Amino acid sequence: YRTRNWFSLGVKAGIGWKTRPLRNVLTNEIESRAYAIVTSLLFDMRFSYLNREKFTLYSSLGIGAVAYNSTSGSFVLPILDVTWIGFTVGRSFYWFFELGGGATGLLRSGLGVRF
């Protein structure tokens, strides 16, 4: 939701998973697999530096929570996420690329939709 030409509020949601083999120490044979499913929800404040019809250059700050569910247990943690610099290309459906830090990683890219 754009409150000003340079400031907007939004929500970021994500899901990811990872798996790895658990091996026997003596034989090195795979005995089972460990898995983890990670979901996150962030409330995001975006500061736009350059707004064009199909291109936006921005920075953002997000605060939210991450839920981690794995073979060893489940927990929920608060998270903070910063996008130092990012850009979008497109209108309603767009591609984004970001350089940041925090919960969602250093380099991020993907597709998005605006309502």
C-alpha atoms as a PDB file:
ATOM      1  CA  TYR A   1       0.000   0.000   0.000  1.00  0.00           C
ATOM      2  CA  ARG A   2       1.581   3.265  -1.153  1.00  0.00           C
ATOM      3  CA  THR A   3       1.082   6.067   1.383  1.00  0.00           C
ATOM      4  CA  ARG A   4       3.345   8.558  -0.420  1.00  0.00           C
ATOM      5  CA  ASN A   5       5.196   8.532  -3.717  1.00  0.00           C
ATOM      6  CA  TRP A   6       8.394   7.554  -1.838  1.00  0.00           C
ATOM      7  CA  PHE A   7       6.957   5.382   0.992  1.00  0.00           C
ATOM      8  CA  SER A   8       4.865   2.200   0.971  1.00  0.00           C
ATOM      9  CA  LEU A   9       3.783  -0.543   3.364  1.00  0.00           C
ATOM     10  CA  GLY A  10       3.526  -4.195   2.408  1.00  0.00           C
ATOM     11  CA  VAL A  11       3.791  -7.823   3.406  1.00  0.00           C
ATOM     12  CA  LYS A  12       6.419 -10.370   2.390  1.00  0.00           C
ATOM     13  CA  ALA A  13       5.761 -14.085   2.753  1.00  0.00           C
ATOM     14  CA  GLY A  14       8.114 -16.932   1.971  1.00  0.00           C
ATOM     15  CA  ILE A  15       8.476 -20.674   2.181  1.00  0.00           C
ATOM     16  CA  GLY A  16      11.508 -22.872   1.759  1.00  0.00           C
ATOM     17  CA  TRP A  17      12.747 -26.334   2.573  1.00  0.00           C
ATOM     18  CA  LYS A  18      15.947 -28.273   2.870  1.00  0.00           C
ATOM     19  CA  THR A  19      16.863 -31.906   3.260  1.00  0.00           C
ATOM     20  CA  ARG A  20      20.070 -33.796   3.968  1.00  0.00           C
ATOM     21  CA  PRO A  21      21.089 -37.426   4.426  1.00  0.00           C
ATOM     22  CA  LEU A  22      21.858 -38.809   7.882  1.00  0.00           C
ATOM     23  CA  ARG A  23      24.718 -41.289   7.533  1.00  0.00           C
ATOM     24  CA  ASN A  24      26.021 -44.091   9.709  1.00  0.00           C
ATOM     25  CA  VAL A  25      29.324 -43.037  11.274  1.00  0.00           C
ATOM     26  CA  LEU A  26      30.993 -46.430  10.697  1.00  0.00           C
ATOM     27  CA  THR A  27      29.671 -47.428   7.262  1.00  0.00           C
ATOM     28  CA  ASN A  28      28.828 -44.029   5.769  1.00  0.00           C
ATOM     29  CA  GLU A  29      25.540 -45.494   4.517  1.00  0.00           C
ATOM     30  CA  ILE A  30      22.453 -43.289   4.438  1.00  0.00           C
ATOM     31  CA  GLU A  31      20.152 -44.363   7.272  1.00  0.00           C
ATOM     32  CA  SER A  32      17.503 -41.673   6.957  1.00  0.00           C
ATOM     33  CA  ARG A  33      16.950 -38.096   5.836  1.00  0.00           C
ATOM     34  CA  ALA A  34      16.563 -34.936   7.891  1.00  0.00           C
ATOM     35  CA  TYR A  35      14.255 -32.210   6.619  1.00  0.00           C
ATOM     36  CA  ALA A  36      13.248 -28.681   7.498  1.00  0.00           C
ATOM     37  CA  ILE A  37      10.422 -26.474   6.259  1.00  0.00           C
ATOM     38  CA  VAL A  38      10.797 -22.752   6.887  1.00  0.00           C
ATOM     39  CA  THR A  39       7.993 -20.189   6.472  1.00  0.00           C
ATOM     40  CA  SER A  40       8.217 -16.467   7.117  1.00  0.00           C
ATOM     41  CA  LEU A  41       5.894 -13.489   7.261  1.00  0.00           C
ATOM     42  CA  LEU A  42       7.248  -9.928   7.325  1.00  0.00           C
ATOM     43  CA  PHE A  43       5.586  -6.523   7.511  1.00  0.00           C
ATOM     44  CA  ASP A  44       7.644  -4.321   5.227  1.00  0.00           C
ATOM     45  CA  MET A  45       8.310  -0.552   4.949  1.00  0.00           C
ATOM     46  CA  ARG A  46       9.708   0.456   1.561  1.00  0.00           C
ATOM     47  CA  PHE A  47      11.488   3.721   0.757  1.00  0.00           C
ATOM     48  CA  SER A  48      11.576   4.360  -3.007  1.00  0.00           C
ATOM     49  CA  TYR A  49      14.379   6.433  -4.516  1.00  0.00           C
ATOM     50  CA  LEU A  50      13.335   6.243  -8.150  1.00  0.00           C
ATOM     51  CA  ASN A  51       9.787   5.546  -9.363  1.00  0.00           C
ATOM     52  CA  ARG A  52       9.159   5.003 -13.058  1.00  0.00           C
ATOM     53  CA  GLU A  53       6.213   3.351 -14.799  1.00  0.00           C
ATOM     54  CA  LYS A  54       7.799  -0.127 -14.883  1.00  0.00           C
ATOM     55  CA  PHE A  55      10.925   0.322 -12.717  1.00  0.00           C
ATOM     56  CA  THR A  56      11.418   1.119  -9.012  1.00  0.00           C
ATOM     57  CA  LEU A  57      14.677   1.497  -7.067  1.00  0.00           C
ATOM     58  CA  TYR A  58      14.244   1.144  -3.284  1.00  0.00           C
ATOM     59  CA  SER A  59      15.423   0.156   0.206  1.00  0.00           C
ATOM     60  CA  SER A  60      13.246  -1.545   2.823  1.00  0.00           C
ATOM     61  CA  LEU A  61      12.992  -2.686   6.422  1.00  0.00           C
ATOM     62  CA  GLY A  62      10.884  -5.683   7.463  1.00  0.00           C
ATOM     63  CA  ILE A  63       9.851  -7.042  10.864  1.00  0.00           C
ATOM     64  CA  GLY A  64       8.068 -10.347  11.368  1.00  0.00           C
ATOM     65  CA  ALA A  65       8.378 -13.997  12.335  1.00  0.00           C
ATOM     66  CA  VAL A  66       9.797 -17.226  10.973  1.00  0.00           C
ATOM     67  CA  ALA A  67       8.429 -20.710  11.705  1.00  0.00           C
ATOM     68  CA  TYR A  68      10.905 -23.596  11.507  1.00  0.00           C
ATOM     69  CA  ASN A  69       9.583 -27.167  11.398  1.00  0.00           C
ATOM     70  CA  SER A  70      12.104 -30.013  11.168  1.00  0.00           C
ATOM     71  CA  THR A  71      12.742 -33.595  12.172  1.00  0.00           C
ATOM     72  CA  SER A  72      14.445 -32.307  15.335  1.00  0.00           C
ATOM     73  CA  GLY A  73      11.631 -29.963  16.419  1.00  0.00           C
ATOM     74  CA  SER A  74       9.622 -26.840  15.686  1.00  0.00           C
ATOM     75  CA  PHE A  75       9.911 -23.247  16.837  1.00  0.00           C
ATOM     76  CA  VAL A  76       8.946 -19.669  15.925  1.00  0.00           C
ATOM     77  CA  LEU A  77      11.377 -16.744  16.129  1.00  0.00           C
ATOM     78  CA  PRO A  78      11.105 -12.983  15.549  1.00  0.00           C
ATOM     79  CA  ILE A  79      13.076 -11.746  12.537  1.00  0.00           C
ATOM     80  CA  LEU A  80      14.394  -8.504  11.098  1.00  0.00           C
ATOM     81  CA  ASP A  81      15.177  -8.036   7.428  1.00  0.00           C
ATOM     82  CA  VAL A  82      16.895  -5.156   5.606  1.00  0.00           C
ATOM     83  CA  THR A  83      17.114  -4.513   1.877  1.00  0.00           C
ATOM     84  CA  TRP A  84      20.015  -2.118   1.335  1.00  0.00           C
ATOM     85  CA  ILE A  85      19.216  -1.705  -2.359  1.00  0.00           C
ATOM     86  CA  GLY A  86      16.678  -3.381  -4.608  1.00  0.00           C
ATOM     87  CA  PHE A  87      14.756  -2.878  -7.815  1.00  0.00           C
ATOM     88  CA  THR A  88      11.589  -4.118  -9.476  1.00  0.00           C
ATOM     89  CA  VAL A  89      10.785  -4.371 -13.180  1.00  0.00           C
ATOM     90  CA  GLY A  90       7.121  -4.572 -14.180  1.00  0.00           C
ATOM     91  CA  ARG A  91       3.733  -3.355 -12.999  1.00  0.00           C
ATOM     92  CA  SER A  92       1.118  -5.703 -11.506  1.00  0.00           C
ATOM     93  CA  PHE A  93       3.374  -8.721 -11.981  1.00  0.00           C
ATOM     94  CA  TYR A  94       7.031  -7.924 -11.504  1.00  0.00           C
ATOM     95  CA  TRP A  95      10.536  -9.337 -11.173  1.00  0.00           C
ATOM     96  CA  PHE A  96      12.694  -8.153  -8.274  1.00  0.00           C
ATOM     97  CA  PHE A  97      16.351  -8.291  -7.284  1.00  0.00           C
ATOM     98  CA  GLU A  98      17.639  -7.264  -3.845  1.00  0.00           C
ATOM     99  CA  LEU A  99      20.894  -6.946  -1.921  1.00  0.00           C
ATOM    100  CA  GLY A 100      20.235  -7.079   1.798  1.00  0.00           C
ATOM    101  CA  GLY A 101      20.775  -8.782   5.090  1.00  0.00           C
ATOM    102  CA  GLY A 102      18.852 -10.565   7.769  1.00  0.00           C
ATOM    103  CA  ALA A 103      16.264 -13.284   7.587  1.00  0.00           C
ATOM    104  CA  THR A 104      15.841 -13.615   3.830  1.00  0.00           C
ATOM    105  CA  GLY A 105      19.516 -13.695   2.858  1.00  0.00           C
ATOM    106  CA  LEU A 106      22.145 -11.598   1.126  1.00  0.00           C
ATOM    107  CA  LEU A 107      21.054 -11.821  -2.537  1.00  0.00           C
ATOM    108  CA  ARG A 108      17.378 -12.303  -3.379  1.00  0.00           C
ATOM    109  CA  SER A 109      15.474 -12.505  -6.619  1.00  0.00           C
ATOM    110  CA  GLY A 110      11.998 -13.618  -7.599  1.00  0.00           C
ATOM    111  CA  LEU A 111       8.568 -12.770  -8.927  1.00  0.00           C
ATOM    112  CA  GLY A 112       5.886 -10.737  -7.190  1.00  0.00           C
ATOM    113  CA  VAL A 113       2.376  -9.417  -7.574  1.00  0.00           C
ATOM    114  CA  ARG A 114       0.866  -6.076  -6.528  1.00  0.00           C
ATOM    115  CA  PHE A 115      -2.765  -5.786  -5.443  1.00  0.00           C
END
